Amino acid sequence: MQEVVLSLLVFLAGLPALDANDPEDKNSPFYYDWHSLQIGGVICAVVLCGIGVIVLLSGKCKCKFSQKPSHRAGEAPPLITPGSA
């Protein structure tokens, strides 16, 4: 039964490809210039990666893991503290 359902799903998924327009039809609303899209994606990825590296190396983002979290007055201290086990 699973094989029949799987083959039916594969057939239905491939059915639009049988009725597809000519891929070189530039007037089609579903024509994409894949080369320009790929180049734009690579440029966007390089810019975002560069910005990430600049932010990390700028020293503006400093993680403060060595500080203990402050407790409010009236709250009980945590029952489990680091190193108590």
N, C-alpha and C. Protein backbone atom coordinates (compact mmCIF):
# COMPACT_ATOMS: atom_id res chain seq x y z
N MET A 1 0.82 -1.19 0.00
CA MET A 1 0.00 0.00 0.00
C MET A 1 0.87 1.26 0.00
N GLN A 2 1.97 1.23 0.78
CA GLN A 2 2.84 2.39 0.84
C GLN A 2 3.50 2.65 -0.51
N GLU A 3 3.83 1.58 -1.24
CA GLU A 3 4.47 1.76 -2.54
C GLU A 3 3.52 2.42 -3.53
N VAL A 4 2.24 2.08 -3.45
CA VAL A 4 1.26 2.67 -4.35
C VAL A 4 1.09 4.16 -4.03
N VAL A 5 0.99 4.48 -2.75
CA VAL A 5 0.83 5.88 -2.35
C VAL A 5 2.08 6.68 -2.72
N LEU A 6 3.27 6.10 -2.49
CA LEU A 6 4.51 6.78 -2.81
C LEU A 6 4.62 7.02 -4.32
N SER A 7 4.29 6.03 -5.12
CA SER A 7 4.37 6.23 -6.57
C SER A 7 3.34 7.25 -7.04
N LEU A 8 2.16 7.28 -6.43
CA LEU A 8 1.16 8.28 -6.78
C LEU A 8 1.64 9.69 -6.43
N LEU A 9 2.28 9.84 -5.26
CA LEU A 9 2.80 11.15 -4.87
C LEU A 9 3.93 11.60 -5.80
N VAL A 10 4.80 10.69 -6.19
CA VAL A 10 5.87 11.02 -7.12
C VAL A 10 5.30 11.43 -8.47
N PHE A 11 4.28 10.71 -8.92
CA PHE A 11 3.64 11.05 -10.19
C PHE A 11 2.99 12.44 -10.12
N LEU A 12 2.28 12.71 -9.03
CA LEU A 12 1.62 14.02 -8.89
C LEU A 12 2.63 15.15 -8.75
N ALA A 13 3.77 14.87 -8.11
CA ALA A 13 4.79 15.91 -7.96
C ALA A 13 5.45 16.21 -9.30
N GLY A 14 5.58 15.20 -10.17
CA GLY A 14 6.23 15.41 -11.46
C GLY A 14 5.28 15.83 -12.55
N LEU A 15 4.00 15.82 -12.30
CA LEU A 15 3.01 16.17 -13.32
C LEU A 15 3.15 17.59 -13.85
N PRO A 16 3.40 18.61 -13.03
CA PRO A 16 3.55 19.95 -13.60
C PRO A 16 4.75 20.08 -14.53
N ALA A 17 5.75 19.25 -14.37
CA ALA A 17 6.92 19.32 -15.24
C ALA A 17 6.57 18.89 -16.66
N LEU A 18 5.56 18.06 -16.81
CA LEU A 18 5.16 17.61 -18.14
C LEU A 18 4.49 18.73 -18.93
N ASP A 19 3.85 19.64 -18.23
CA ASP A 19 3.12 20.72 -18.88
C ASP A 19 3.88 22.05 -18.79
N ALA A 20 5.15 21.99 -18.47
CA ALA A 20 5.94 23.22 -18.28
C ALA A 20 6.17 23.93 -19.59
N ASN A 21 6.32 25.24 -19.50
CA ASN A 21 6.62 26.05 -20.68
C ASN A 21 8.07 25.85 -21.08
N ASP A 22 8.41 26.37 -22.22
CA ASP A 22 9.77 26.33 -22.70
C ASP A 22 10.64 27.12 -21.73
N PRO A 23 11.73 26.53 -21.19
CA PRO A 23 12.54 27.26 -20.20
C PRO A 23 13.22 28.50 -20.77
N GLU A 24 13.30 28.62 -22.07
CA GLU A 24 13.93 29.80 -22.67
C GLU A 24 12.91 30.88 -23.02
N ASP A 25 11.66 30.69 -22.66
CA ASP A 25 10.62 31.68 -22.93
C ASP A 25 10.78 32.83 -21.94
N LYS A 26 11.43 33.90 -22.34
CA LYS A 26 11.73 35.00 -21.44
C LYS A 26 10.50 35.84 -21.10
N ASN A 27 9.41 35.67 -21.80
CA ASN A 27 8.18 36.41 -21.51
C ASN A 27 7.31 35.69 -20.49
N SER A 28 7.70 34.49 -20.12
CA SER A 28 6.92 33.71 -19.15
C SER A 28 7.06 34.33 -17.77
N PRO A 29 5.99 34.36 -16.99
CA PRO A 29 6.10 34.92 -15.64
C PRO A 29 6.93 34.03 -14.71
N PHE A 30 7.21 32.79 -15.11
CA PHE A 30 7.98 31.88 -14.28
C PHE A 30 9.41 31.70 -14.80
N TYR A 31 9.89 32.64 -15.60
CA TYR A 31 11.27 32.58 -16.08
C TYR A 31 12.16 33.30 -15.08
N TYR A 32 13.23 32.63 -14.65
CA TYR A 32 14.15 33.21 -13.69
C TYR A 32 15.55 33.24 -14.29
N ASP A 33 16.24 34.34 -14.08
CA ASP A 33 17.62 34.44 -14.50
C ASP A 33 18.47 33.87 -13.37
N TRP A 34 18.73 32.56 -13.42
CA TRP A 34 19.39 31.86 -12.33
C TRP A 34 20.81 32.35 -12.10
N HIS A 35 21.50 32.73 -13.16
CA HIS A 35 22.89 33.18 -13.00
C HIS A 35 22.94 34.47 -12.19
N SER A 36 22.10 35.43 -12.51
CA SER A 36 22.08 36.69 -11.75
C SER A 36 21.62 36.45 -10.31
N LEU A 37 20.68 35.55 -10.12
CA LEU A 37 20.20 35.23 -8.78
C LEU A 37 21.32 34.60 -7.95
N GLN A 38 22.11 33.73 -8.57
CA GLN A 38 23.21 33.09 -7.86
C GLN A 38 24.30 34.11 -7.51
N ILE A 39 24.64 34.97 -8.44
CA ILE A 39 25.66 35.99 -8.18
C ILE A 39 25.19 36.94 -7.07
N GLY A 40 23.93 37.34 -7.11
CA GLY A 40 23.39 38.21 -6.05
C GLY A 40 23.41 37.54 -4.69
N GLY A 41 23.11 36.25 -4.64
CA GLY A 41 23.14 35.51 -3.39
C GLY A 41 24.54 35.41 -2.82
N VAL A 42 25.52 35.17 -3.69
CA VAL A 42 26.91 35.09 -3.24
C VAL A 42 27.38 36.44 -2.71
N ILE A 43 27.04 37.52 -3.40
CA ILE A 43 27.42 38.86 -2.95
C ILE A 43 26.78 39.17 -1.60
N CYS A 44 25.52 38.83 -1.44
CA CYS A 44 24.82 39.06 -0.18
C CYS A 44 25.46 38.25 0.95
N ALA A 45 25.83 37.00 0.68
CA ALA A 45 26.46 36.16 1.70
C ALA A 45 27.82 36.71 2.10
N VAL A 46 28.59 37.20 1.13
CA VAL A 46 29.91 37.76 1.43
C VAL A 46 29.78 39.02 2.28
N VAL A 47 28.82 39.87 1.94
CA VAL A 47 28.62 41.11 2.71
C VAL A 47 28.20 40.78 4.14
N LEU A 48 27.25 39.86 4.31
CA LEU A 48 26.79 39.52 5.66
C LEU A 48 27.89 38.85 6.47
N CYS A 49 28.68 38.00 5.83
CA CYS A 49 29.79 37.35 6.52
C CYS A 49 30.84 38.39 6.93
N GLY A 50 31.13 39.32 6.05
CA GLY A 50 32.09 40.38 6.37
C GLY A 50 31.61 41.23 7.53
N ILE A 51 30.34 41.59 7.54
CA ILE A 51 29.79 42.38 8.65
C ILE A 51 29.88 41.60 9.96
N GLY A 52 29.61 40.30 9.91
CA GLY A 52 29.72 39.47 11.10
C GLY A 52 31.13 39.42 11.65
N VAL A 53 32.10 39.28 10.76
CA VAL A 53 33.50 39.25 11.20
C VAL A 53 33.90 40.59 11.78
N ILE A 54 33.48 41.67 11.16
CA ILE A 54 33.82 43.01 11.66
C ILE A 54 33.21 43.24 13.04
N VAL A 55 31.97 42.81 13.24
CA VAL A 55 31.33 42.98 14.55
C VAL A 55 32.06 42.16 15.60
N LEU A 56 32.44 40.93 15.26
CA LEU A 56 33.13 40.09 16.23
C LEU A 56 34.51 40.63 16.59
N LEU A 57 35.21 41.19 15.62
CA LEU A 57 36.56 41.67 15.87
C LEU A 57 36.61 43.10 16.38
N SER A 58 35.48 43.81 16.39
CA SER A 58 35.49 45.21 16.80
C SER A 58 35.66 45.39 18.30
N GLY A 59 35.33 44.39 19.08
CA GLY A 59 35.45 44.50 20.53
C GLY A 59 34.27 45.17 21.18
N LYS A 60 33.26 45.55 20.43
CA LYS A 60 32.08 46.19 21.01
C LYS A 60 31.19 45.15 21.70
N CYS A 61 31.19 43.94 21.20
CA CYS A 61 30.40 42.86 21.80
C CYS A 61 31.28 42.09 22.75
N LYS A 62 31.13 42.34 24.03
CA LYS A 62 31.94 41.64 25.03
C LYS A 62 31.00 40.81 25.88
N CYS A 63 31.27 39.53 25.93
CA CYS A 63 30.48 38.64 26.76
C CYS A 63 31.06 38.67 28.17
N LYS A 64 30.22 38.81 29.13
CA LYS A 64 30.66 38.91 30.52
C LYS A 64 30.24 37.65 31.27
N PHE A 65 30.95 36.56 31.03
CA PHE A 65 30.61 35.31 31.69
C PHE A 65 31.20 35.22 33.10
N SER A 66 32.20 36.02 33.39
CA SER A 66 32.87 35.91 34.68
C SER A 66 32.07 36.57 35.81
N GLN A 67 31.12 37.42 35.48
CA GLN A 67 30.34 38.08 36.51
C GLN A 67 29.23 37.17 36.99
N LYS A 68 28.99 37.20 38.30
CA LYS A 68 27.89 36.41 38.86
C LYS A 68 26.60 37.19 38.68
N PRO A 69 25.51 36.51 38.38
CA PRO A 69 24.24 37.23 38.23
C PRO A 69 23.79 37.79 39.58
N SER A 70 23.30 39.01 39.54
CA SER A 70 22.86 39.65 40.78
C SER A 70 21.46 39.15 41.15
N HIS A 71 21.23 39.04 42.45
CA HIS A 71 19.93 38.61 42.95
C HIS A 71 19.21 39.82 43.53
N ARG A 72 17.94 39.82 43.38
CA ARG A 72 17.14 40.91 43.95
C ARG A 72 16.97 40.68 45.44
N ALA A 73 16.81 41.77 46.15
CA ALA A 73 16.54 41.65 47.59
C ALA A 73 15.16 41.06 47.76
N GLY A 74 15.04 40.08 48.58
CA GLY A 74 13.75 39.43 48.79
C GLY A 74 13.66 38.09 48.08
N GLU A 75 14.55 37.85 47.16
CA GLU A 75 14.56 36.55 46.50
C GLU A 75 15.56 35.66 47.21
N ALA A 76 15.23 34.41 47.33
CA ALA A 76 16.13 33.45 47.96
C ALA A 76 17.25 33.12 46.98
N PRO A 77 18.45 32.89 47.50
CA PRO A 77 19.54 32.50 46.60
C PRO A 77 19.24 31.12 46.00
N PRO A 78 19.84 30.81 44.86
CA PRO A 78 19.56 29.51 44.25
C PRO A 78 20.04 28.37 45.15
N LEU A 79 19.32 27.25 45.16
CA LEU A 79 19.66 26.12 46.00
C LEU A 79 20.90 25.40 45.50
N ILE A 80 21.06 25.36 44.19
CA ILE A 80 22.22 24.70 43.62
C ILE A 80 23.17 25.77 43.12
N THR A 81 24.35 25.78 43.65
CA THR A 81 25.35 26.74 43.21
C THR A 81 26.48 26.00 42.52
N PRO A 82 27.19 26.66 41.62
CA PRO A 82 28.30 25.97 40.96
C PRO A 82 29.36 25.53 41.96
N GLY A 83 29.80 24.29 41.83
CA GLY A 83 30.85 23.75 42.69
C GLY A 83 30.33 23.16 43.98
N SER A 84 29.03 23.13 44.22
CA SER A 84 28.51 22.58 45.48
C SER A 84 28.28 21.09 45.40
N ALA A 85 28.33 20.53 44.21
CA ALA A 85 28.05 19.09 44.08
C ALA A 85 29.20 18.28 44.41
